[in-house]
């Protein structure tokens, strides 16, 4: 194996902006700030979610960000600052690095992810069940 996931995450973290959970909380709910939860839908259903966060599954993220993709989501062309997070901060580090490479510049991620958010006892809501 040429690179381990741990090495890839460490390299990504050297290139991207990483917020502490306290810094992220200070941004939560502000205008022009979009929290982006890249966890799997089953994680959201099991653990809950940050109120108001956009769910962008990791497997679709690049397609949603790319304006030339048939799956593009306009929110990613809004000019907002995007705060990515996953469960622990590994997937979100890689995702943040990838979308920066794609040209989405105003993006960062939360160190420790949703786990750190929950441990800090910041607001969490249940995911609405789809019928």
C-alpha atoms as a PDB file:
ATOM      1  CA  UNK A   1       0.000   0.000   0.000  1.00  0.00           C
ATOM      2  CA  UNK A   2       1.443   3.350  -1.041  1.00  0.00           C
ATOM      3  CA  UNK A   3      -0.572   5.530   1.354  1.00  0.00           C
ATOM      4  CA  UNK A   4      -2.729   4.732   4.304  1.00  0.00           C
ATOM      5  CA  UNK A   5      -5.979   6.535   5.051  1.00  0.00           C
ATOM      6  CA  UNK A   6      -4.317   8.041   8.105  1.00  0.00           C
ATOM      7  CA  UNK A   7      -1.563   9.483   5.893  1.00  0.00           C
ATOM      8  CA  UNK A   8      -4.105  10.823   3.406  1.00  0.00           C
ATOM      9  CA  UNK A   9      -6.110  12.514   6.176  1.00  0.00           C
ATOM     10  CA  UNK A  10      -2.949  14.024   7.676  1.00  0.00           C
ATOM     11  CA  UNK A  11      -1.913  15.390   4.277  1.00  0.00           C
ATOM     12  CA  UNK A  12      -5.392  16.828   3.686  1.00  0.00           C
ATOM     13  CA  UNK A  13      -5.360  18.489   7.101  1.00  0.00           C
ATOM     14  CA  UNK A  14      -2.130  20.278   6.166  1.00  0.00           C
ATOM     15  CA  UNK A  15      -3.859  21.883   3.157  1.00  0.00           C
ATOM     16  CA  UNK A  16      -7.293  22.761   4.536  1.00  0.00           C
ATOM     17  CA  UNK A  17      -8.870  24.942   7.199  1.00  0.00           C
ATOM     18  CA  UNK A  18      -9.874  22.990  10.280  1.00  0.00           C
ATOM     19  CA  UNK A  19     -12.200  24.477  12.881  1.00  0.00           C
ATOM     20  CA  UNK A  20     -12.376  23.450  16.499  1.00  0.00           C
ATOM     21  CA  UNK A  21     -15.841  22.428  17.572  1.00  0.00           C
ATOM     22  CA  UNK A  22     -16.071  25.707  19.521  1.00  0.00           C
ATOM     23  CA  UNK A  23     -15.201  27.746  16.414  1.00  0.00           C
ATOM     24  CA  UNK A  24     -17.801  25.804  14.430  1.00  0.00           C
ATOM     25  CA  UNK A  25     -20.463  26.406  17.074  1.00  0.00           C
ATOM     26  CA  UNK A  26     -19.759  30.155  16.880  1.00  0.00           C
ATOM     27  CA  UNK A  27     -20.527  30.042  13.126  1.00  0.00           C
ATOM     28  CA  UNK A  28     -23.629  27.828  13.416  1.00  0.00           C
ATOM     29  CA  UNK A  29     -26.799  29.634  12.371  1.00  0.00           C
ATOM     30  CA  UNK A  30     -25.017  32.637  10.868  1.00  0.00           C
ATOM     31  CA  UNK A  31     -26.093  33.989   7.515  1.00  0.00           C
ATOM     32  CA  UNK A  32     -24.006  32.747   4.564  1.00  0.00           C
ATOM     33  CA  UNK A  33     -22.695  29.773   6.578  1.00  0.00           C
ATOM     34  CA  UNK A  34     -23.826  26.311   5.503  1.00  0.00           C
ATOM     35  CA  UNK A  35     -23.050  23.277   7.626  1.00  0.00           C
ATOM     36  CA  UNK A  36     -22.700  20.186   5.422  1.00  0.00           C
ATOM     37  CA  UNK A  37     -23.128  16.734   6.946  1.00  0.00           C
ATOM     38  CA  UNK A  38     -21.473  14.139   4.718  1.00  0.00           C
ATOM     39  CA  UNK A  39     -22.310  11.118   6.871  1.00  0.00           C
ATOM     40  CA  UNK A  40     -24.356   8.216   5.582  1.00  0.00           C
ATOM     41  CA  UNK A  41     -28.118   8.558   6.055  1.00  0.00           C
ATOM     42  CA  UNK A  42     -28.051   5.625   8.498  1.00  0.00           C
ATOM     43  CA  UNK A  43     -25.661   7.575  10.716  1.00  0.00           C
ATOM     44  CA  UNK A  44     -28.021  10.539  10.752  1.00  0.00           C
ATOM     45  CA  UNK A  45     -30.967   8.310  11.627  1.00  0.00           C
ATOM     46  CA  UNK A  46     -29.010   6.595  14.395  1.00  0.00           C
ATOM     47  CA  UNK A  47     -27.149   9.580  15.915  1.00  0.00           C
ATOM     48  CA  UNK A  48     -29.205  12.644  14.994  1.00  0.00           C
ATOM     49  CA  UNK A  49     -28.027  15.713  13.136  1.00  0.00           C
ATOM     50  CA  UNK A  50     -26.896  19.285  13.585  1.00  0.00           C
ATOM     51  CA  UNK A  51     -29.981  21.520  13.235  1.00  0.00           C
ATOM     52  CA  UNK A  52     -30.144  23.166   9.825  1.00  0.00           C
ATOM     53  CA  UNK A  53     -27.250  21.205   8.318  1.00  0.00           C
ATOM     54  CA  UNK A  54     -27.443  20.212   4.669  1.00  0.00           C
ATOM     55  CA  UNK A  55     -27.096  16.474   4.183  1.00  0.00           C
ATOM     56  CA  UNK A  56     -24.752  15.804   1.261  1.00  0.00           C
ATOM     57  CA  UNK A  57     -23.808  12.113   1.280  1.00  0.00           C
ATOM     58  CA  UNK A  58     -20.090  11.597   0.744  1.00  0.00           C
ATOM     59  CA  UNK A  59     -20.750   9.439  -2.303  1.00  0.00           C
ATOM     60  CA  UNK A  60     -22.558  12.281  -4.105  1.00  0.00           C
ATOM     61  CA  UNK A  61     -20.608  15.290  -2.883  1.00  0.00           C
ATOM     62  CA  UNK A  62     -18.370  15.909  -5.891  1.00  0.00           C
ATOM     63  CA  UNK A  63     -21.361  15.517  -8.226  1.00  0.00           C
ATOM     64  CA  UNK A  64     -23.390  18.024  -6.199  1.00  0.00           C
ATOM     65  CA  UNK A  65     -20.524  20.547  -6.116  1.00  0.00           C
ATOM     66  CA  UNK A  66     -19.612  20.389  -9.831  1.00  0.00           C
ATOM     67  CA  UNK A  67     -21.722  22.924 -11.779  1.00  0.00           C
ATOM     68  CA  UNK A  68     -21.308  20.814 -14.923  1.00  0.00           C
ATOM     69  CA  UNK A  69     -22.729  17.704 -13.296  1.00  0.00           C
ATOM     70  CA  UNK A  70     -26.364  16.760 -13.919  1.00  0.00           C
ATOM     71  CA  UNK A  71     -26.606  16.330 -10.129  1.00  0.00           C
ATOM     72  CA  UNK A  72     -25.342  19.830  -9.254  1.00  0.00           C
ATOM     73  CA  UNK A  73     -27.001  21.509  -6.263  1.00  0.00           C
ATOM     74  CA  UNK A  74     -27.268  25.302  -6.516  1.00  0.00           C
ATOM     75  CA  UNK A  75     -26.437  25.755  -2.830  1.00  0.00           C
ATOM     76  CA  UNK A  76     -22.813  25.004  -3.701  1.00  0.00           C
ATOM     77  CA  UNK A  77     -22.784  28.003  -6.086  1.00  0.00           C
ATOM     78  CA  UNK A  78     -24.209  30.339  -3.426  1.00  0.00           C
ATOM     79  CA  UNK A  79     -20.931  31.874  -2.271  1.00  0.00           C
ATOM     80  CA  UNK A  80     -21.580  30.660   1.271  1.00  0.00           C
ATOM     81  CA  UNK A  81     -18.854  29.392   3.556  1.00  0.00           C
ATOM     82  CA  UNK A  82     -19.240  25.617   3.910  1.00  0.00           C
ATOM     83  CA  UNK A  83     -18.460  23.817   7.151  1.00  0.00           C
ATOM     84  CA  UNK A  84     -18.140  20.103   6.433  1.00  0.00           C
ATOM     85  CA  UNK A  85     -18.326  17.378   9.029  1.00  0.00           C
ATOM     86  CA  UNK A  86     -18.599  13.613   9.315  1.00  0.00           C
ATOM     87  CA  UNK A  87     -18.551  11.394  12.390  1.00  0.00           C
ATOM     88  CA  UNK A  88     -14.953  11.997  13.493  1.00  0.00           C
ATOM     89  CA  UNK A  89     -13.341  14.386  10.998  1.00  0.00           C
ATOM     90  CA  UNK A  90     -11.566  11.945   8.680  1.00  0.00           C
ATOM     91  CA  UNK A  91     -14.040  11.789   5.801  1.00  0.00           C
ATOM     92  CA  UNK A  92     -14.716  15.515   6.081  1.00  0.00           C
ATOM     93  CA  UNK A  93     -10.974  16.293   5.864  1.00  0.00           C
ATOM     94  CA  UNK A  94     -10.717  14.309   2.630  1.00  0.00           C
ATOM     95  CA  UNK A  95     -13.958  15.804   1.297  1.00  0.00           C
ATOM     96  CA  UNK A  96     -12.886  19.366   2.127  1.00  0.00           C
ATOM     97  CA  UNK A  97      -9.568  18.826   0.375  1.00  0.00           C
ATOM     98  CA  UNK A  98     -11.294  17.336  -2.681  1.00  0.00           C
ATOM     99  CA  UNK A  99     -13.856  20.114  -3.154  1.00  0.00           C
ATOM    100  CA  UNK A 100     -11.112  22.710  -2.703  1.00  0.00           C
ATOM    101  CA  UNK A 101      -9.298  21.007  -5.586  1.00  0.00           C
ATOM    102  CA  UNK A 102     -12.528  21.343  -7.555  1.00  0.00           C
ATOM    103  CA  UNK A 103     -12.592  25.114  -6.955  1.00  0.00           C
ATOM    104  CA  UNK A 104     -14.915  25.456  -3.943  1.00  0.00           C
ATOM    105  CA  UNK A 105     -12.639  27.732  -1.947  1.00  0.00           C
ATOM    106  CA  UNK A 106     -14.614  28.904   1.076  1.00  0.00           C
ATOM    107  CA  UNK A 107     -14.746  25.521   2.785  1.00  0.00           C
ATOM    108  CA  UNK A 108     -13.475  24.062   6.044  1.00  0.00           C
ATOM    109  CA  UNK A 109     -14.236  21.140   8.329  1.00  0.00           C
ATOM    110  CA  UNK A 110     -14.778  20.409  12.005  1.00  0.00           C
ATOM    111  CA  UNK A 111     -12.008  18.685  13.943  1.00  0.00           C
ATOM    112  CA  UNK A 112     -13.612  15.686  15.616  1.00  0.00           C
ATOM    113  CA  UNK A 113     -16.759  15.955  13.489  1.00  0.00           C
ATOM    114  CA  UNK A 114     -20.233  15.218  14.769  1.00  0.00           C
ATOM    115  CA  UNK A 115     -18.773  13.189  17.634  1.00  0.00           C
ATOM    116  CA  UNK A 116     -17.050  16.308  18.999  1.00  0.00           C
ATOM    117  CA  UNK A 117     -20.216  18.363  18.419  1.00  0.00           C
ATOM    118  CA  UNK A 118     -22.286  15.875  20.400  1.00  0.00           C
ATOM    119  CA  UNK A 119     -19.659  15.515  23.153  1.00  0.00           C
ATOM    120  CA  UNK A 120     -19.718  19.302  23.605  1.00  0.00           C
ATOM    121  CA  UNK A 121     -23.501  18.987  24.108  1.00  0.00           C
ATOM    122  CA  UNK A 122     -24.276  21.351  21.245  1.00  0.00           C
ATOM    123  CA  UNK A 123     -27.748  21.164  19.640  1.00  0.00           C
ATOM    124  CA  UNK A 124     -28.700  17.871  17.987  1.00  0.00           C
ATOM    125  CA  UNK A 125     -32.040  17.004  16.473  1.00  0.00           C
ATOM    126  CA  UNK A 126     -33.577  13.776  15.295  1.00  0.00           C
ATOM    127  CA  UNK A 127     -33.624  13.174  11.569  1.00  0.00           C
ATOM    128  CA  UNK A 128     -37.147  13.269  10.217  1.00  0.00           C
ATOM    129  CA  UNK A 129     -38.172   9.836   8.958  1.00  0.00           C
ATOM    130  CA  UNK A 130     -39.088   9.631   5.275  1.00  0.00           C
ATOM    131  CA  UNK A 131     -42.422   8.030   4.600  1.00  0.00           C
END
